[in-house]
Amino acid sequence: MEVINTFIEKLYGWKLEYQEEWNTDLVDYDTGTEQRNQLWERPKRHWVLPYRILIAANRDKLLELTSRAHGMFRVFLFEDPYDFACSLAECNITAAGGETTTQLIKTYYPAEVGEWTENKTRIQPSGIFPPVVKIDAATKTEGTHFTLDDDTGIIDWTGGSVPNGALGAGEVVTANYQFYYPVRFDQDTYKETTIHTDTFKLKAIPIVEVIE
């Protein structure tokens, strides 16, 4: 997947619209009862960027992004202002034993009815938010004990300067980190109206999560 930027500029303001989409198959029987089949194990997210009035500098950034994206074609990264971090309790993985890598996850509503877990594949780099990674509550150091691929969310336990090898059965990996959503524009058109020399009025712009 080609990603054309690190993340979208935080220009969306406080009226960001959010929608969570599930996919359920409903079967109606002659008796009046119904059967519900869950087709997706996790939701797909949608946002509407609430840009209304932008000055020229910000308009130019957005226009560059939509132009380079070629409408719905290319993917970029987006930080949801309300769901961008994962706590140690939400990323809790028990090793089967023998694995040398660990995929970062986030569990939503852990220990509650209907919880679900998602792989997080686009991690904010340590220069923005240094991840805290532990094995059995002992903090491990990136570059010494492991390496983390920000583009996959995969920890490599043999990638540090001091090889650690495979995880042991029952060892618990936890992580506190921040992440982006890979998204695309949900339309191929971009429309604006010039209301002053350096001021532009835009239509709201929908984007949708791309599940990797």
N, C-alpha and C. Protein backbone atom coordinates (compact mmCIF):
# COMPACT_ATOMS: atom_id res chain seq x y z
N MET A 1 0.84 -1.19 0.00
CA MET A 1 0.00 0.00 0.00
C MET A 1 0.89 1.24 0.00
N GLU A 2 0.64 2.14 -0.96
CA GLU A 2 1.39 3.38 -1.02
C GLU A 2 0.76 4.41 -0.10
N VAL A 3 1.54 4.93 0.83
CA VAL A 3 1.06 5.97 1.74
C VAL A 3 1.73 7.28 1.34
N ILE A 4 0.95 8.31 1.07
CA ILE A 4 1.51 9.51 0.47
C ILE A 4 1.85 10.59 1.48
N ASN A 5 1.58 10.37 2.74
CA ASN A 5 2.01 11.34 3.75
C ASN A 5 2.17 10.63 5.09
N THR A 6 2.73 11.33 6.06
CA THR A 6 2.84 10.76 7.40
C THR A 6 1.49 10.78 8.10
N PHE A 7 0.84 11.91 8.10
CA PHE A 7 -0.52 12.00 8.60
C PHE A 7 -1.13 13.31 8.12
N ILE A 8 -2.45 13.36 8.09
CA ILE A 8 -3.13 14.56 7.63
C ILE A 8 -2.92 15.68 8.65
N GLU A 9 -2.74 16.89 8.16
CA GLU A 9 -2.60 18.03 9.07
C GLU A 9 -3.84 18.14 9.96
N LYS A 10 -3.64 18.52 11.21
CA LYS A 10 -4.76 18.59 12.15
C LYS A 10 -5.52 19.91 11.96
N LEU A 11 -6.23 19.97 10.86
CA LEU A 11 -6.99 21.16 10.53
C LEU A 11 -8.49 20.94 10.70
N TYR A 12 -8.86 19.74 11.18
CA TYR A 12 -10.27 19.37 11.09
C TYR A 12 -11.14 20.06 12.13
N GLY A 13 -10.58 20.66 13.15
CA GLY A 13 -11.40 21.42 14.10
C GLY A 13 -12.22 20.53 15.02
N TRP A 14 -13.27 21.13 15.58
CA TRP A 14 -14.00 20.43 16.65
C TRP A 14 -15.33 19.86 16.19
N LYS A 15 -15.69 19.97 14.92
CA LYS A 15 -16.95 19.42 14.43
C LYS A 15 -16.72 18.19 13.56
N LEU A 16 -15.70 17.46 13.86
CA LEU A 16 -15.40 16.24 13.12
C LEU A 16 -16.54 15.24 13.28
N GLU A 17 -17.07 14.74 12.17
CA GLU A 17 -18.14 13.74 12.21
C GLU A 17 -17.52 12.34 12.16
N TYR A 18 -18.14 11.41 12.88
CA TYR A 18 -17.62 10.05 12.97
C TYR A 18 -18.76 9.06 12.79
N GLN A 19 -18.47 7.98 12.06
CA GLN A 19 -19.46 6.91 11.89
C GLN A 19 -18.75 5.58 11.96
N GLU A 20 -19.37 4.63 12.64
CA GLU A 20 -18.82 3.29 12.78
C GLU A 20 -19.73 2.33 12.04
N GLU A 21 -19.18 1.60 11.09
CA GLU A 21 -19.98 0.72 10.23
C GLU A 21 -19.68 -0.75 10.53
N TRP A 22 -20.75 -1.50 10.80
CA TRP A 22 -20.67 -2.95 10.93
C TRP A 22 -21.39 -3.58 9.74
N ASN A 23 -21.32 -4.89 9.63
CA ASN A 23 -21.98 -5.58 8.53
C ASN A 23 -22.66 -6.83 9.09
N THR A 24 -23.98 -6.78 9.14
CA THR A 24 -24.76 -7.87 9.71
C THR A 24 -25.71 -8.44 8.66
N ASP A 25 -25.72 -9.76 8.52
CA ASP A 25 -26.64 -10.44 7.61
C ASP A 25 -27.89 -10.84 8.39
N LEU A 26 -29.05 -10.31 7.98
CA LEU A 26 -30.31 -10.61 8.65
C LEU A 26 -31.11 -11.59 7.81
N VAL A 27 -31.54 -12.68 8.43
CA VAL A 27 -32.36 -13.69 7.77
C VAL A 27 -33.72 -13.73 8.46
N ASP A 28 -34.78 -13.41 7.74
CA ASP A 28 -36.14 -13.43 8.29
C ASP A 28 -36.82 -14.76 7.95
N TYR A 29 -37.44 -15.37 8.95
CA TYR A 29 -38.14 -16.64 8.76
C TYR A 29 -39.65 -16.40 8.72
N ASP A 30 -40.38 -17.38 8.15
CA ASP A 30 -41.83 -17.26 8.04
C ASP A 30 -42.51 -17.14 9.40
N THR A 31 -41.86 -17.63 10.43
CA THR A 31 -42.43 -17.57 11.77
C THR A 31 -42.37 -16.17 12.37
N GLY A 32 -41.63 -15.27 11.71
CA GLY A 32 -41.45 -13.92 12.24
C GLY A 32 -40.16 -13.75 13.01
N THR A 33 -39.48 -14.85 13.28
CA THR A 33 -38.20 -14.74 13.96
C THR A 33 -37.12 -14.36 12.94
N GLU A 34 -35.98 -13.97 13.45
CA GLU A 34 -34.88 -13.61 12.57
C GLU A 34 -33.58 -14.18 13.10
N GLN A 35 -32.67 -14.38 12.18
CA GLN A 35 -31.32 -14.83 12.53
C GLN A 35 -30.35 -13.74 12.12
N ARG A 36 -29.43 -13.41 13.01
CA ARG A 36 -28.44 -12.36 12.75
C ARG A 36 -27.05 -12.99 12.67
N ASN A 37 -26.41 -12.81 11.55
CA ASN A 37 -25.08 -13.35 11.32
C ASN A 37 -24.08 -12.20 11.23
N GLN A 38 -23.07 -12.23 12.09
CA GLN A 38 -22.07 -11.17 12.09
C GLN A 38 -21.05 -11.46 11.00
N LEU A 39 -20.98 -10.57 10.00
CA LEU A 39 -20.08 -10.77 8.87
C LEU A 39 -18.71 -10.16 9.11
N TRP A 40 -18.65 -9.09 9.88
CA TRP A 40 -17.38 -8.45 10.18
C TRP A 40 -17.07 -8.61 11.65
N GLU A 41 -15.81 -8.93 11.96
CA GLU A 41 -15.38 -9.07 13.34
C GLU A 41 -14.99 -7.74 13.97
N ARG A 42 -14.91 -6.70 13.15
CA ARG A 42 -14.52 -5.37 13.62
C ARG A 42 -15.20 -4.33 12.74
N PRO A 43 -15.35 -3.11 13.22
CA PRO A 43 -16.02 -2.09 12.42
C PRO A 43 -15.08 -1.43 11.41
N LYS A 44 -15.68 -0.82 10.40
CA LYS A 44 -14.98 0.09 9.50
C LYS A 44 -15.41 1.50 9.87
N ARG A 45 -14.43 2.40 9.97
CA ARG A 45 -14.72 3.75 10.45
C ARG A 45 -14.80 4.75 9.29
N HIS A 46 -15.67 5.72 9.46
CA HIS A 46 -15.82 6.81 8.51
C HIS A 46 -15.74 8.13 9.27
N TRP A 47 -15.15 9.13 8.65
CA TRP A 47 -15.12 10.47 9.22
C TRP A 47 -15.52 11.47 8.13
N VAL A 48 -16.03 12.60 8.56
CA VAL A 48 -16.27 13.72 7.64
C VAL A 48 -15.45 14.89 8.15
N LEU A 49 -14.47 15.31 7.37
CA LEU A 49 -13.62 16.44 7.76
C LEU A 49 -14.45 17.72 7.63
N PRO A 50 -14.64 18.42 8.72
CA PRO A 50 -15.61 19.52 8.74
C PRO A 50 -15.02 20.85 8.26
N TYR A 51 -14.26 20.82 7.18
CA TYR A 51 -13.68 22.06 6.69
C TYR A 51 -14.78 22.92 6.07
N ARG A 52 -14.88 24.12 6.51
CA ARG A 52 -15.86 25.05 5.94
C ARG A 52 -15.14 26.24 5.33
N ILE A 53 -14.36 26.95 6.16
CA ILE A 53 -13.61 28.11 5.70
C ILE A 53 -12.13 27.87 5.99
N LEU A 54 -11.29 28.00 4.96
CA LEU A 54 -9.85 27.83 5.13
C LEU A 54 -9.11 29.01 4.52
N ILE A 55 -8.05 29.41 5.19
CA ILE A 55 -7.17 30.41 4.59
C ILE A 55 -6.33 29.72 3.51
N ALA A 56 -5.67 30.52 2.69
CA ALA A 56 -4.99 29.98 1.51
C ALA A 56 -3.95 28.93 1.86
N ALA A 57 -3.15 29.15 2.92
CA ALA A 57 -2.08 28.22 3.26
C ALA A 57 -2.63 26.83 3.60
N ASN A 58 -3.69 26.79 4.39
CA ASN A 58 -4.28 25.51 4.76
C ASN A 58 -5.04 24.89 3.59
N ARG A 59 -5.68 25.72 2.80
CA ARG A 59 -6.36 25.22 1.60
C ARG A 59 -5.35 24.56 0.67
N ASP A 60 -4.17 25.16 0.53
CA ASP A 60 -3.15 24.60 -0.36
C ASP A 60 -2.68 23.23 0.13
N LYS A 61 -2.54 23.07 1.44
CA LYS A 61 -2.14 21.76 1.99
C LYS A 61 -3.18 20.70 1.68
N LEU A 62 -4.45 21.05 1.88
CA LEU A 62 -5.51 20.09 1.63
C LEU A 62 -5.63 19.77 0.14
N LEU A 63 -5.53 20.78 -0.70
CA LEU A 63 -5.61 20.55 -2.14
C LEU A 63 -4.46 19.68 -2.62
N GLU A 64 -3.27 19.89 -2.06
CA GLU A 64 -2.14 19.04 -2.43
C GLU A 64 -2.42 17.58 -2.07
N LEU A 65 -2.99 17.37 -0.89
CA LEU A 65 -3.28 16.01 -0.45
C LEU A 65 -4.32 15.36 -1.35
N THR A 66 -5.41 16.06 -1.65
CA THR A 66 -6.44 15.46 -2.50
C THR A 66 -5.91 15.23 -3.92
N SER A 67 -5.06 16.12 -4.38
CA SER A 67 -4.51 15.97 -5.73
C SER A 67 -3.55 14.79 -5.80
N ARG A 68 -2.66 14.70 -4.81
CA ARG A 68 -1.71 13.59 -4.80
C ARG A 68 -2.40 12.25 -4.55
N ALA A 69 -3.52 12.28 -3.83
CA ALA A 69 -4.27 11.05 -3.58
C ALA A 69 -4.99 10.57 -4.83
N HIS A 70 -5.17 11.46 -5.81
CA HIS A 70 -5.95 11.12 -7.00
C HIS A 70 -7.35 10.66 -6.61
N GLY A 71 -8.00 11.46 -5.79
CA GLY A 71 -9.35 11.10 -5.34
C GLY A 71 -9.30 9.95 -4.36
N MET A 72 -10.04 8.90 -4.68
CA MET A 72 -10.15 7.75 -3.78
C MET A 72 -9.00 6.76 -3.93
N PHE A 73 -8.05 7.06 -4.83
CA PHE A 73 -7.08 6.03 -5.24
C PHE A 73 -6.02 5.74 -4.19
N ARG A 74 -5.35 6.78 -3.66
CA ARG A 74 -4.21 6.55 -2.77
C ARG A 74 -4.60 6.72 -1.31
N VAL A 75 -3.79 6.09 -0.47
CA VAL A 75 -4.05 6.05 0.98
C VAL A 75 -3.18 7.08 1.69
N PHE A 76 -3.72 7.68 2.75
CA PHE A 76 -2.92 8.52 3.62
C PHE A 76 -3.27 8.18 5.07
N LEU A 77 -2.53 8.76 6.01
CA LEU A 77 -2.72 8.41 7.42
C LEU A 77 -3.43 9.53 8.15
N PHE A 78 -4.28 9.13 9.08
CA PHE A 78 -5.15 10.08 9.78
C PHE A 78 -5.18 9.72 11.26
N GLU A 79 -5.07 10.73 12.12
CA GLU A 79 -5.17 10.51 13.57
C GLU A 79 -6.56 10.90 14.04
N ASP A 80 -7.31 9.91 14.50
CA ASP A 80 -8.59 10.20 15.11
C ASP A 80 -8.32 10.86 16.47
N PRO A 81 -8.87 12.05 16.73
CA PRO A 81 -8.53 12.75 17.97
C PRO A 81 -9.05 12.06 19.22
N TYR A 82 -9.95 11.08 19.06
CA TYR A 82 -10.53 10.40 20.22
C TYR A 82 -10.10 8.94 20.33
N ASP A 83 -9.47 8.40 19.29
CA ASP A 83 -9.03 7.01 19.32
C ASP A 83 -7.71 6.90 18.57
N PHE A 84 -6.63 7.23 19.27
CA PHE A 84 -5.31 7.22 18.66
C PHE A 84 -4.27 6.58 19.57
N ALA A 85 -4.67 6.11 20.75
CA ALA A 85 -3.72 5.57 21.72
C ALA A 85 -4.18 4.20 22.21
N CYS A 86 -3.21 3.40 22.59
CA CYS A 86 -3.49 2.07 23.14
C CYS A 86 -2.76 1.94 24.46
N SER A 87 -3.48 1.52 25.50
CA SER A 87 -2.88 1.37 26.82
C SER A 87 -2.30 -0.03 26.98
N LEU A 88 -1.53 -0.23 28.06
CA LEU A 88 -0.97 -1.55 28.33
C LEU A 88 -2.07 -2.59 28.51
N ALA A 89 -3.19 -2.19 29.11
CA ALA A 89 -4.28 -3.14 29.32
C ALA A 89 -4.97 -3.52 28.01
N GLU A 90 -4.92 -2.63 27.02
CA GLU A 90 -5.60 -2.88 25.75
C GLU A 90 -4.73 -3.64 24.76
N CYS A 91 -3.42 -3.66 25.00
CA CYS A 91 -2.50 -4.43 24.17
C CYS A 91 -1.83 -5.46 25.06
N ASN A 92 -2.42 -6.61 25.15
CA ASN A 92 -2.00 -7.65 26.10
C ASN A 92 -1.98 -8.98 25.34
N ILE A 93 -0.79 -9.52 25.09
CA ILE A 93 -0.64 -10.70 24.24
C ILE A 93 0.16 -11.75 24.98
N THR A 94 -0.40 -12.94 25.13
CA THR A 94 0.30 -14.04 25.78
C THR A 94 0.97 -14.91 24.72
N ALA A 95 2.26 -15.11 24.85
CA ALA A 95 3.03 -15.85 23.84
C ALA A 95 2.72 -17.34 23.91
N ALA A 96 2.61 -17.93 22.73
CA ALA A 96 2.46 -19.39 22.67
C ALA A 96 3.79 -20.07 22.91
N GLY A 97 4.87 -19.35 22.60
CA GLY A 97 6.21 -19.89 22.78
C GLY A 97 6.86 -20.16 21.42
N GLY A 98 8.06 -19.64 21.25
CA GLY A 98 8.80 -19.88 20.03
C GLY A 98 8.72 -18.76 19.01
N GLU A 99 7.76 -17.82 19.15
CA GLU A 99 7.65 -16.75 18.16
C GLU A 99 8.71 -15.67 18.41
N THR A 100 9.20 -15.12 17.32
CA THR A 100 10.23 -14.07 17.40
C THR A 100 9.66 -12.69 17.06
N THR A 101 8.39 -12.63 16.72
CA THR A 101 7.74 -11.35 16.42
C THR A 101 6.40 -11.29 17.15
N THR A 102 5.93 -10.06 17.36
CA THR A 102 4.63 -9.83 18.00
C THR A 102 3.93 -8.70 17.25
N GLN A 103 2.70 -8.94 16.83
CA GLN A 103 1.89 -7.91 16.19
C GLN A 103 1.19 -7.06 17.25
N LEU A 104 1.36 -5.74 17.16
CA LEU A 104 0.66 -4.86 18.09
C LEU A 104 -0.84 -4.91 17.82
N ILE A 105 -1.62 -4.95 18.89
CA ILE A 105 -3.07 -5.02 18.80
C ILE A 105 -3.67 -3.95 19.71
N LYS A 106 -4.96 -3.74 19.54
CA LYS A 106 -5.74 -3.00 20.52
C LYS A 106 -7.04 -3.74 20.72
N THR A 107 -7.36 -4.03 21.99
CA THR A 107 -8.62 -4.67 22.33
C THR A 107 -9.60 -3.60 22.80
N TYR A 108 -10.74 -3.54 22.16
CA TYR A 108 -11.76 -2.56 22.51
C TYR A 108 -12.73 -3.17 23.52
N TYR A 109 -12.97 -2.44 24.61
CA TYR A 109 -13.85 -2.88 25.70
C TYR A 109 -13.42 -4.24 26.25
N PRO A 110 -12.14 -4.36 26.68
CA PRO A 110 -11.64 -5.65 27.16
C PRO A 110 -12.46 -6.16 28.34
N ALA A 111 -12.71 -7.47 28.30
CA ALA A 111 -13.45 -8.19 29.34
C ALA A 111 -14.93 -7.83 29.36
N GLU A 112 -15.41 -7.06 28.39
CA GLU A 112 -16.83 -6.74 28.30
C GLU A 112 -17.49 -7.60 27.23
N VAL A 113 -18.82 -7.72 27.27
CA VAL A 113 -19.55 -8.44 26.24
C VAL A 113 -19.35 -7.72 24.91
N GLY A 114 -19.00 -8.48 23.87
CA GLY A 114 -18.83 -7.90 22.56
C GLY A 114 -17.48 -7.27 22.31
N GLU A 115 -16.49 -7.55 23.15
CA GLU A 115 -15.16 -6.99 22.90
C GLU A 115 -14.64 -7.48 21.55
N TRP A 116 -13.76 -6.68 20.95
CA TRP A 116 -13.10 -7.14 19.73
C TRP A 116 -11.67 -6.62 19.74
N THR A 117 -10.84 -7.25 18.93
CA THR A 117 -9.42 -6.91 18.87
C THR A 117 -9.04 -6.58 17.43
N GLU A 118 -8.22 -5.54 17.26
CA GLU A 118 -7.77 -5.13 15.94
C GLU A 118 -6.24 -5.08 15.92
N ASN A 119 -5.66 -5.52 14.81
CA ASN A 119 -4.24 -5.27 14.58
C ASN A 119 -4.05 -3.80 14.26
N LYS A 120 -3.06 -3.19 14.85
CA LYS A 120 -2.72 -1.80 14.54
C LYS A 120 -1.42 -1.81 13.74
N THR A 121 -1.50 -1.31 12.52
CA THR A 121 -0.39 -1.46 11.58
C THR A 121 0.33 -0.17 11.25
N ARG A 122 -0.21 0.96 11.67
CA ARG A 122 0.42 2.25 11.37
C ARG A 122 0.70 2.97 12.69
N ILE A 123 1.91 2.82 13.18
CA ILE A 123 2.28 3.27 14.52
C ILE A 123 2.96 4.63 14.45
N GLN A 124 2.62 5.50 15.39
CA GLN A 124 3.30 6.79 15.44
C GLN A 124 4.75 6.56 15.84
N PRO A 125 5.69 7.16 15.12
CA PRO A 125 7.11 6.91 15.40
C PRO A 125 7.51 7.41 16.77
N SER A 126 8.62 6.87 17.25
CA SER A 126 9.08 7.19 18.61
C SER A 126 9.41 8.67 18.77
N GLY A 127 9.69 9.36 17.66
CA GLY A 127 9.95 10.78 17.74
C GLY A 127 8.71 11.58 18.10
N ILE A 128 7.53 11.00 17.88
CA ILE A 128 6.27 11.64 18.24
C ILE A 128 5.76 11.10 19.57
N PHE A 129 5.76 9.77 19.72
CA PHE A 129 5.35 9.16 20.98
C PHE A 129 6.15 7.87 21.17
N PRO A 130 7.13 7.86 22.06
CA PRO A 130 7.92 6.65 22.28
C PRO A 130 7.04 5.53 22.86
N PRO A 131 6.95 4.39 22.20
CA PRO A 131 6.13 3.30 22.74
C PRO A 131 6.76 2.69 23.98
N VAL A 132 5.92 2.23 24.88
CA VAL A 132 6.37 1.51 26.07
C VAL A 132 6.02 0.04 25.86
N VAL A 133 7.03 -0.80 25.78
CA VAL A 133 6.82 -2.23 25.51
C VAL A 133 7.39 -3.02 26.68
N LYS A 134 6.60 -3.99 27.17
CA LYS A 134 7.02 -4.78 28.31
C LYS A 134 6.83 -6.27 28.04
N ILE A 135 7.66 -7.07 28.70
CA ILE A 135 7.46 -8.52 28.78
C ILE A 135 7.35 -8.87 30.24
N ASP A 136 6.20 -9.43 30.61
CA ASP A 136 5.95 -9.77 32.03
C ASP A 136 6.26 -8.58 32.94
N ALA A 137 5.79 -7.40 32.54
CA ALA A 137 5.88 -6.15 33.31
C ALA A 137 7.28 -5.56 33.35
N ALA A 138 8.25 -6.18 32.68
CA ALA A 138 9.61 -5.63 32.62
C ALA A 138 9.76 -4.83 31.33
N THR A 139 10.06 -3.54 31.46
CA THR A 139 10.15 -2.66 30.30
C THR A 139 11.35 -3.05 29.42
N LYS A 140 11.09 -3.11 28.11
CA LYS A 140 12.14 -3.41 27.14
C LYS A 140 12.46 -2.15 26.35
N THR A 141 13.69 -2.06 25.89
CA THR A 141 14.18 -0.85 25.22
C THR A 141 14.27 -1.08 23.73
N GLU A 142 13.63 -0.16 22.96
CA GLU A 142 13.70 -0.27 21.51
C GLU A 142 15.13 -0.01 21.05
N GLY A 143 15.60 -0.85 20.14
CA GLY A 143 16.97 -0.76 19.66
C GLY A 143 17.93 -1.63 20.43
N THR A 144 17.57 -1.95 21.67
CA THR A 144 18.39 -2.85 22.48
C THR A 144 17.77 -4.23 22.56
N HIS A 145 16.48 -4.26 22.91
CA HIS A 145 15.80 -5.54 23.07
C HIS A 145 14.90 -5.90 21.89
N PHE A 146 14.51 -4.91 21.11
CA PHE A 146 13.59 -5.18 20.00
C PHE A 146 13.65 -4.03 19.00
N THR A 147 13.09 -4.27 17.82
CA THR A 147 12.81 -3.21 16.86
C THR A 147 11.32 -3.24 16.56
N LEU A 148 10.77 -2.07 16.22
CA LEU A 148 9.36 -1.95 15.91
C LEU A 148 9.21 -1.32 14.54
N ASP A 149 8.51 -2.01 13.65
CA ASP A 149 8.25 -1.50 12.31
C ASP A 149 7.00 -0.63 12.37
N ASP A 150 7.16 0.69 12.19
CA ASP A 150 6.04 1.61 12.29
C ASP A 150 5.01 1.41 11.18
N ASP A 151 5.42 0.76 10.08
CA ASP A 151 4.51 0.57 8.95
C ASP A 151 3.75 -0.73 8.99
N THR A 152 4.05 -1.59 9.97
CA THR A 152 3.33 -2.86 10.11
C THR A 152 2.82 -3.10 11.52
N GLY A 153 3.41 -2.41 12.51
CA GLY A 153 3.05 -2.65 13.90
C GLY A 153 3.61 -3.96 14.43
N ILE A 154 4.67 -4.46 13.81
CA ILE A 154 5.26 -5.74 14.22
C ILE A 154 6.54 -5.49 15.01
N ILE A 155 6.60 -6.07 16.21
CA ILE A 155 7.81 -6.05 17.04
C ILE A 155 8.67 -7.24 16.66
N ASP A 156 9.95 -6.99 16.42
CA ASP A 156 10.92 -8.05 16.14
C ASP A 156 11.83 -8.19 17.35
N TRP A 157 11.72 -9.33 18.02
CA TRP A 157 12.50 -9.54 19.25
C TRP A 157 13.94 -9.93 18.97
N THR A 158 14.30 -10.16 17.71
CA THR A 158 15.68 -10.47 17.38
C THR A 158 16.35 -9.28 16.70
N GLY A 159 15.64 -8.14 16.63
CA GLY A 159 16.14 -7.01 15.86
C GLY A 159 16.95 -6.01 16.65
N GLY A 160 17.12 -6.22 17.95
CA GLY A 160 17.90 -5.29 18.75
C GLY A 160 19.39 -5.56 18.65
N SER A 161 20.18 -4.68 19.28
CA SER A 161 21.63 -4.87 19.27
C SER A 161 22.05 -6.01 20.20
N VAL A 162 21.15 -6.39 21.11
CA VAL A 162 21.39 -7.55 21.98
C VAL A 162 20.30 -8.57 21.68
N PRO A 163 20.57 -9.58 20.84
CA PRO A 163 19.51 -10.52 20.45
C PRO A 163 18.88 -11.19 21.65
N ASN A 164 17.56 -11.28 21.60
CA ASN A 164 16.82 -11.91 22.69
C ASN A 164 16.19 -13.23 22.27
N GLY A 165 16.07 -13.44 20.95
CA GLY A 165 15.52 -14.70 20.48
C GLY A 165 14.03 -14.80 20.64
N ALA A 166 13.54 -16.03 20.72
CA ALA A 166 12.11 -16.29 20.74
C ALA A 166 11.52 -16.05 22.12
N LEU A 167 10.22 -15.72 22.13
CA LEU A 167 9.49 -15.59 23.39
C LEU A 167 9.23 -16.96 23.99
N GLY A 168 9.15 -17.01 25.30
CA GLY A 168 8.81 -18.24 25.98
C GLY A 168 7.31 -18.39 26.13
N ALA A 169 6.83 -19.61 26.20
CA ALA A 169 5.40 -19.87 26.36
C ALA A 169 4.90 -19.23 27.65
N GLY A 170 3.80 -18.48 27.53
CA GLY A 170 3.20 -17.85 28.71
C GLY A 170 3.71 -16.46 29.01
N GLU A 171 4.79 -16.02 28.35
CA GLU A 171 5.25 -14.65 28.55
C GLU A 171 4.21 -13.68 28.01
N VAL A 172 3.99 -12.61 28.73
CA VAL A 172 2.95 -11.65 28.36
C VAL A 172 3.59 -10.36 27.85
N VAL A 173 3.26 -10.02 26.61
CA VAL A 173 3.74 -8.79 26.00
C VAL A 173 2.64 -7.73 26.12
N THR A 174 3.00 -6.58 26.65
CA THR A 174 2.07 -5.45 26.71
C THR A 174 2.74 -4.25 26.06
N ALA A 175 1.92 -3.32 25.57
CA ALA A 175 2.48 -2.14 24.91
C ALA A 175 1.55 -0.95 25.06
N ASN A 176 2.17 0.20 25.25
CA ASN A 176 1.46 1.48 25.27
C ASN A 176 2.03 2.29 24.10
N TYR A 177 1.18 2.62 23.13
CA TYR A 177 1.67 3.28 21.92
C TYR A 177 0.54 4.12 21.32
N GLN A 178 0.87 4.89 20.30
CA GLN A 178 -0.12 5.67 19.57
C GLN A 178 -0.06 5.27 18.10
N PHE A 179 -1.19 5.47 17.41
CA PHE A 179 -1.29 4.94 16.05
C PHE A 179 -2.11 5.88 15.16
N TYR A 180 -2.00 5.63 13.86
CA TYR A 180 -2.81 6.30 12.85
C TYR A 180 -3.76 5.29 12.21
N TYR A 181 -4.77 5.82 11.53
CA TYR A 181 -5.62 5.01 10.67
C TYR A 181 -5.22 5.22 9.22
N PRO A 182 -4.99 4.14 8.45
CA PRO A 182 -4.87 4.32 7.00
C PRO A 182 -6.26 4.61 6.43
N VAL A 183 -6.37 5.67 5.66
CA VAL A 183 -7.67 6.10 5.14
C VAL A 183 -7.52 6.51 3.67
N ARG A 184 -8.65 6.66 3.01
CA ARG A 184 -8.70 7.23 1.67
C ARG A 184 -9.88 8.20 1.62
N PHE A 185 -9.87 9.08 0.64
CA PHE A 185 -11.03 9.93 0.43
C PHE A 185 -12.19 9.06 -0.06
N ASP A 186 -13.40 9.40 0.35
CA ASP A 186 -14.57 8.60 -0.01
C ASP A 186 -15.31 9.20 -1.21
N GLN A 187 -14.62 10.05 -1.95
CA GLN A 187 -15.17 10.61 -3.18
C GLN A 187 -14.01 11.01 -4.07
N ASP A 188 -14.28 11.11 -5.36
CA ASP A 188 -13.23 11.46 -6.31
C ASP A 188 -13.18 12.95 -6.62
N THR A 189 -14.14 13.70 -6.10
CA THR A 189 -14.21 15.13 -6.44
C THR A 189 -13.78 16.00 -5.27
N TYR A 190 -13.21 17.13 -5.61
CA TYR A 190 -12.86 18.17 -4.64
C TYR A 190 -13.50 19.46 -5.13
N LYS A 191 -14.21 20.15 -4.23
CA LYS A 191 -14.95 21.36 -4.64
C LYS A 191 -14.72 22.47 -3.64
N GLU A 192 -14.46 23.67 -4.15
CA GLU A 192 -14.27 24.82 -3.28
C GLU A 192 -14.86 26.06 -3.94
N THR A 193 -15.11 27.07 -3.14
CA THR A 193 -15.59 28.36 -3.62
C THR A 193 -14.70 29.44 -3.05
N THR A 194 -14.19 30.32 -3.90
CA THR A 194 -13.39 31.44 -3.43
C THR A 194 -14.32 32.53 -2.91
N ILE A 195 -14.20 32.86 -1.63
CA ILE A 195 -15.06 33.89 -1.06
C ILE A 195 -14.29 35.18 -0.78
N HIS A 196 -12.97 35.11 -0.90
CA HIS A 196 -12.12 36.29 -0.78
C HIS A 196 -10.80 35.93 -1.42
N THR A 197 -9.92 36.87 -1.56
CA THR A 197 -8.64 36.62 -2.24
C THR A 197 -7.88 35.45 -1.63
N ASP A 198 -7.83 35.37 -0.31
CA ASP A 198 -7.07 34.32 0.36
C ASP A 198 -7.95 33.47 1.27
N THR A 199 -9.24 33.40 0.99
CA THR A 199 -10.16 32.64 1.84
C THR A 199 -11.06 31.79 0.96
N PHE A 200 -11.24 30.52 1.38
CA PHE A 200 -11.97 29.57 0.56
C PHE A 200 -13.03 28.86 1.40
N LYS A 201 -14.14 28.57 0.76
CA LYS A 201 -15.22 27.82 1.38
C LYS A 201 -15.27 26.44 0.74
N LEU A 202 -15.30 25.39 1.59
CA LEU A 202 -15.25 24.02 1.10
C LEU A 202 -16.49 23.25 1.50
N LYS A 203 -16.78 22.22 0.73
CA LYS A 203 -17.76 21.24 1.13
C LYS A 203 -17.10 20.28 2.12
N ALA A 204 -17.90 19.69 3.02
CA ALA A 204 -17.35 18.70 3.93
C ALA A 204 -16.77 17.54 3.12
N ILE A 205 -15.65 16.98 3.61
CA ILE A 205 -14.92 15.96 2.85
C ILE A 205 -14.95 14.63 3.61
N PRO A 206 -15.58 13.60 3.06
CA PRO A 206 -15.63 12.30 3.75
C PRO A 206 -14.39 11.48 3.48
N ILE A 207 -13.90 10.81 4.52
CA ILE A 207 -12.82 9.84 4.39
C ILE A 207 -13.26 8.54 5.04
N VAL A 208 -12.65 7.43 4.63
CA VAL A 208 -13.05 6.12 5.14
C VAL A 208 -11.80 5.30 5.45
N GLU A 209 -11.88 4.51 6.50
CA GLU A 209 -10.77 3.66 6.90
C GLU A 209 -10.49 2.59 5.85
N VAL A 210 -9.22 2.32 5.62
CA VAL A 210 -8.79 1.23 4.75
C VAL A 210 -8.25 0.13 5.64
N ILE A 211 -8.92 -1.00 5.68
CA ILE A 211 -8.50 -2.10 6.54
C ILE A 211 -7.42 -2.90 5.83
N GLU A 212 -6.28 -3.02 6.47
CA GLU A 212 -5.13 -3.69 5.86
C GLU A 212 -5.13 -5.19 6.21
